[in-house]
Amino acid sequence: MELTTRIRDLRVGLQNRRTMRAAQRRLSDELASFRTPAERAELDHMLGRHTLEETAEIRAILNRQDYERQRQVTALGGYRR
């Protein structure tokens, strides 16, 4: 394989990764807006209409966000500073 072809393939691969990361950040930001129990219940109901494979990425993001929120809360119910 020629060097120019390798460089082009590398650039395309890096651009694709940047595009995917930006899309995942946008999705994560949108999902972060579902904060109240009612909003999350509605979202869970919508996700329930699809297979686990179809919703795996969304569920992983939601689990990460839940973990981060719980991590911020101390055992006494306060917030870390």
N, C-alpha and C. Protein backbone atom coordinates (compact mmCIF):
# COMPACT_ATOMS: atom_id res chain seq x y z
N MET A 1 0.85 -1.18 0.00
CA MET A 1 0.00 0.00 0.00
C MET A 1 0.90 1.24 0.00
N GLU A 2 0.54 2.19 -0.80
CA GLU A 2 1.33 3.42 -0.90
C GLU A 2 1.18 4.27 0.35
N LEU A 3 2.18 5.06 0.61
CA LEU A 3 2.18 5.93 1.76
C LEU A 3 1.02 6.94 1.69
N THR A 4 0.79 7.50 0.50
CA THR A 4 -0.30 8.47 0.36
C THR A 4 -1.65 7.83 0.64
N THR A 5 -1.82 6.59 0.26
CA THR A 5 -3.08 5.88 0.53
C THR A 5 -3.23 5.65 2.02
N ARG A 6 -2.17 5.26 2.68
CA ARG A 6 -2.22 5.05 4.13
C ARG A 6 -2.56 6.34 4.86
N ILE A 7 -1.93 7.42 4.45
CA ILE A 7 -2.20 8.72 5.09
C ILE A 7 -3.65 9.13 4.87
N ARG A 8 -4.15 8.93 3.65
CA ARG A 8 -5.55 9.27 3.36
C ARG A 8 -6.49 8.43 4.21
N ASP A 9 -6.20 7.13 4.31
CA ASP A 9 -7.04 6.24 5.12
C ASP A 9 -7.02 6.64 6.59
N LEU A 10 -5.87 7.03 7.07
CA LEU A 10 -5.73 7.48 8.45
C LEU A 10 -6.54 8.74 8.69
N ARG A 11 -6.45 9.69 7.79
CA ARG A 11 -7.21 10.94 7.92
C ARG A 11 -8.71 10.68 7.91
N VAL A 12 -9.15 9.82 7.00
CA VAL A 12 -10.57 9.49 6.92
C VAL A 12 -11.02 8.81 8.22
N GLY A 13 -10.22 7.90 8.73
CA GLY A 13 -10.55 7.21 9.97
C GLY A 13 -10.64 8.17 11.14
N LEU A 14 -9.69 9.10 11.23
CA LEU A 14 -9.72 10.09 12.31
C LEU A 14 -10.94 11.01 12.19
N GLN A 15 -11.26 11.41 10.98
CA GLN A 15 -12.43 12.27 10.78
C GLN A 15 -13.72 11.53 11.17
N ASN A 16 -13.79 10.26 10.82
CA ASN A 16 -14.97 9.46 11.20
C ASN A 16 -15.10 9.35 12.71
N ARG A 17 -13.98 9.15 13.40
CA ARG A 17 -14.01 9.08 14.87
C ARG A 17 -14.45 10.40 15.48
N ARG A 18 -13.96 11.51 14.94
CA ARG A 18 -14.37 12.83 15.45
C ARG A 18 -15.87 13.03 15.25
N THR A 19 -16.36 12.64 14.10
CA THR A 19 -17.79 12.78 13.81
C THR A 19 -18.63 11.93 14.76
N MET A 20 -18.19 10.71 15.01
CA MET A 20 -18.92 9.82 15.93
C MET A 20 -18.91 10.36 17.36
N ARG A 21 -17.76 10.87 17.80
CA ARG A 21 -17.69 11.43 19.16
C ARG A 21 -18.58 12.65 19.30
N ALA A 22 -18.62 13.49 18.28
CA ALA A 22 -19.49 14.68 18.33
C ALA A 22 -20.95 14.26 18.38
N ALA A 23 -21.32 13.25 17.61
CA ALA A 23 -22.70 12.77 17.63
C ALA A 23 -23.05 12.17 18.99
N GLN A 24 -22.12 11.45 19.59
CA GLN A 24 -22.38 10.87 20.90
C GLN A 24 -22.50 11.95 21.97
N ARG A 25 -21.70 13.01 21.87
CA ARG A 25 -21.81 14.13 22.82
C ARG A 25 -23.17 14.81 22.70
N ARG A 26 -23.64 15.01 21.46
CA ARG A 26 -24.96 15.62 21.26
C ARG A 26 -26.05 14.74 21.85
N LEU A 27 -25.97 13.44 21.60
CA LEU A 27 -26.96 12.52 22.15
C LEU A 27 -26.92 12.54 23.67
N SER A 28 -25.73 12.54 24.23
CA SER A 28 -25.59 12.58 25.69
C SER A 28 -26.19 13.86 26.26
N ASP A 29 -25.96 14.98 25.61
CA ASP A 29 -26.53 16.26 26.06
C ASP A 29 -28.05 16.23 26.00
N GLU A 30 -28.59 15.65 24.93
CA GLU A 30 -30.05 15.56 24.81
C GLU A 30 -30.63 14.66 25.89
N LEU A 31 -29.98 13.54 26.15
CA LEU A 31 -30.48 12.61 27.16
C LEU A 31 -30.36 13.19 28.57
N ALA A 32 -29.40 14.06 28.79
CA ALA A 32 -29.22 14.66 30.10
C ALA A 32 -30.39 15.55 30.48
N SER A 33 -31.19 15.96 29.50
CA SER A 33 -32.33 16.82 29.81
C SER A 33 -33.48 16.04 30.44
N PHE A 34 -33.45 14.72 30.39
CA PHE A 34 -34.46 13.88 31.04
C PHE A 34 -34.02 13.64 32.48
N ARG A 35 -34.41 14.53 33.38
CA ARG A 35 -33.93 14.46 34.76
C ARG A 35 -34.98 14.02 35.76
N THR A 36 -36.20 14.47 35.62
CA THR A 36 -37.21 14.15 36.62
C THR A 36 -37.65 12.70 36.49
N PRO A 37 -38.19 12.13 37.56
CA PRO A 37 -38.69 10.75 37.47
C PRO A 37 -39.73 10.57 36.37
N ALA A 38 -40.59 11.55 36.17
CA ALA A 38 -41.61 11.45 35.13
C ALA A 38 -40.98 11.45 33.74
N GLU A 39 -40.00 12.32 33.54
CA GLU A 39 -39.32 12.37 32.24
C GLU A 39 -38.58 11.07 31.97
N ARG A 40 -37.90 10.55 33.01
CA ARG A 40 -37.17 9.30 32.82
C ARG A 40 -38.12 8.13 32.57
N ALA A 41 -39.28 8.14 33.25
CA ALA A 41 -40.27 7.08 33.03
C ALA A 41 -40.78 7.12 31.59
N GLU A 42 -41.02 8.32 31.09
CA GLU A 42 -41.46 8.46 29.70
C GLU A 42 -40.39 7.96 28.74
N LEU A 43 -39.14 8.31 29.01
CA LEU A 43 -38.04 7.86 28.17
C LEU A 43 -37.90 6.34 28.24
N ASP A 44 -37.99 5.77 29.43
CA ASP A 44 -37.91 4.32 29.58
C ASP A 44 -39.04 3.63 28.83
N HIS A 45 -40.22 4.24 28.85
CA HIS A 45 -41.36 3.68 28.11
C HIS A 45 -41.07 3.68 26.61
N MET A 46 -40.52 4.77 26.10
CA MET A 46 -40.16 4.84 24.68
C MET A 46 -39.09 3.81 24.33
N LEU A 47 -38.09 3.67 25.20
CA LEU A 47 -37.02 2.71 24.94
C LEU A 47 -37.55 1.27 24.99
N GLY A 48 -38.56 1.05 25.81
CA GLY A 48 -39.14 -0.28 25.94
C GLY A 48 -39.78 -0.79 24.66
N ARG A 49 -40.05 0.09 23.73
CA ARG A 49 -40.64 -0.29 22.44
C ARG A 49 -39.62 -0.88 21.49
N HIS A 50 -38.36 -0.84 21.88
CA HIS A 50 -37.28 -1.29 21.00
C HIS A 50 -36.47 -2.38 21.68
N THR A 51 -35.67 -3.07 20.90
CA THR A 51 -34.85 -4.15 21.46
C THR A 51 -33.67 -3.58 22.23
N LEU A 52 -33.09 -4.43 23.07
CA LEU A 52 -31.91 -4.01 23.83
C LEU A 52 -30.76 -3.64 22.91
N GLU A 53 -30.64 -4.35 21.81
CA GLU A 53 -29.57 -4.05 20.86
C GLU A 53 -29.74 -2.66 20.25
N GLU A 54 -30.99 -2.31 19.97
CA GLU A 54 -31.26 -1.01 19.36
C GLU A 54 -31.03 0.14 20.34
N THR A 55 -31.22 -0.11 21.61
CA THR A 55 -31.13 0.95 22.61
C THR A 55 -29.88 0.87 23.47
N ALA A 56 -28.95 -0.01 23.14
CA ALA A 56 -27.77 -0.23 23.98
C ALA A 56 -26.96 1.04 24.20
N GLU A 57 -26.74 1.81 23.15
CA GLU A 57 -25.93 3.03 23.29
C GLU A 57 -26.64 4.04 24.19
N ILE A 58 -27.92 4.20 24.00
CA ILE A 58 -28.69 5.14 24.82
C ILE A 58 -28.70 4.70 26.27
N ARG A 59 -28.94 3.42 26.51
CA ARG A 59 -28.95 2.91 27.89
C ARG A 59 -27.58 3.06 28.56
N ALA A 60 -26.52 2.86 27.81
CA ALA A 60 -25.17 3.03 28.37
C ALA A 60 -24.93 4.48 28.78
N ILE A 61 -25.38 5.41 27.96
CA ILE A 61 -25.23 6.83 28.29
C ILE A 61 -26.05 7.18 29.52
N LEU A 62 -27.29 6.70 29.58
CA LEU A 62 -28.15 6.97 30.73
C LEU A 62 -27.56 6.38 32.01
N ASN A 63 -27.03 5.18 31.92
CA ASN A 63 -26.41 4.56 33.10
C ASN A 63 -25.21 5.36 33.58
N ARG A 64 -24.39 5.84 32.64
CA ARG A 64 -23.25 6.68 32.99
C ARG A 64 -23.70 7.97 33.67
N GLN A 65 -24.75 8.58 33.12
CA GLN A 65 -25.25 9.83 33.70
C GLN A 65 -25.83 9.59 35.09
N ASP A 66 -26.56 8.50 35.26
CA ASP A 66 -27.10 8.16 36.59
C ASP A 66 -25.98 7.95 37.60
N TYR A 67 -24.96 7.23 37.17
CA TYR A 67 -23.82 6.97 38.05
C TYR A 67 -23.16 8.29 38.48
N GLU A 68 -22.96 9.18 37.53
CA GLU A 68 -22.33 10.46 37.85
C GLU A 68 -23.19 11.29 38.80
N ARG A 69 -24.49 11.28 38.60
CA ARG A 69 -25.38 12.01 39.51
C ARG A 69 -25.33 11.42 40.90
N GLN A 70 -25.36 10.09 41.00
CA GLN A 70 -25.32 9.44 42.31
C GLN A 70 -23.98 9.66 43.00
N ARG A 71 -22.93 9.72 42.22
CA ARG A 71 -21.60 9.95 42.77
C ARG A 71 -21.48 11.32 43.41
N GLN A 72 -22.26 12.27 42.89
CA GLN A 72 -22.19 13.63 43.41
C GLN A 72 -22.88 13.76 44.76
N VAL A 73 -23.80 12.88 45.02
CA VAL A 73 -24.57 12.96 46.26
C VAL A 73 -23.83 12.18 47.35
N THR A 74 -23.67 12.79 48.51
CA THR A 74 -22.99 12.10 49.62
C THR A 74 -23.99 11.23 50.36
N ALA A 75 -23.50 10.47 51.28
CA ALA A 75 -24.34 9.56 52.07
C ALA A 75 -25.36 10.34 52.91
N LEU A 76 -25.08 11.57 53.22
CA LEU A 76 -25.99 12.38 54.04
C LEU A 76 -27.00 13.13 53.18
N GLY A 77 -26.96 12.95 51.90
CA GLY A 77 -27.92 13.63 51.03
C GLY A 77 -27.48 14.98 50.54
N GLY A 78 -26.28 15.38 50.90
CA GLY A 78 -25.77 16.66 50.43
C GLY A 78 -25.00 16.50 49.13
N TYR A 79 -24.42 17.57 48.70
CA TYR A 79 -23.62 17.54 47.47
C TYR A 79 -22.18 17.81 47.80
N ARG A 80 -21.31 17.15 47.08
CA ARG A 80 -19.87 17.40 47.25
C ARG A 80 -19.53 18.75 46.65
N ARG A 81 -18.54 19.34 47.17
CA ARG A 81 -18.12 20.65 46.65
C ARG A 81 -16.81 20.55 45.99
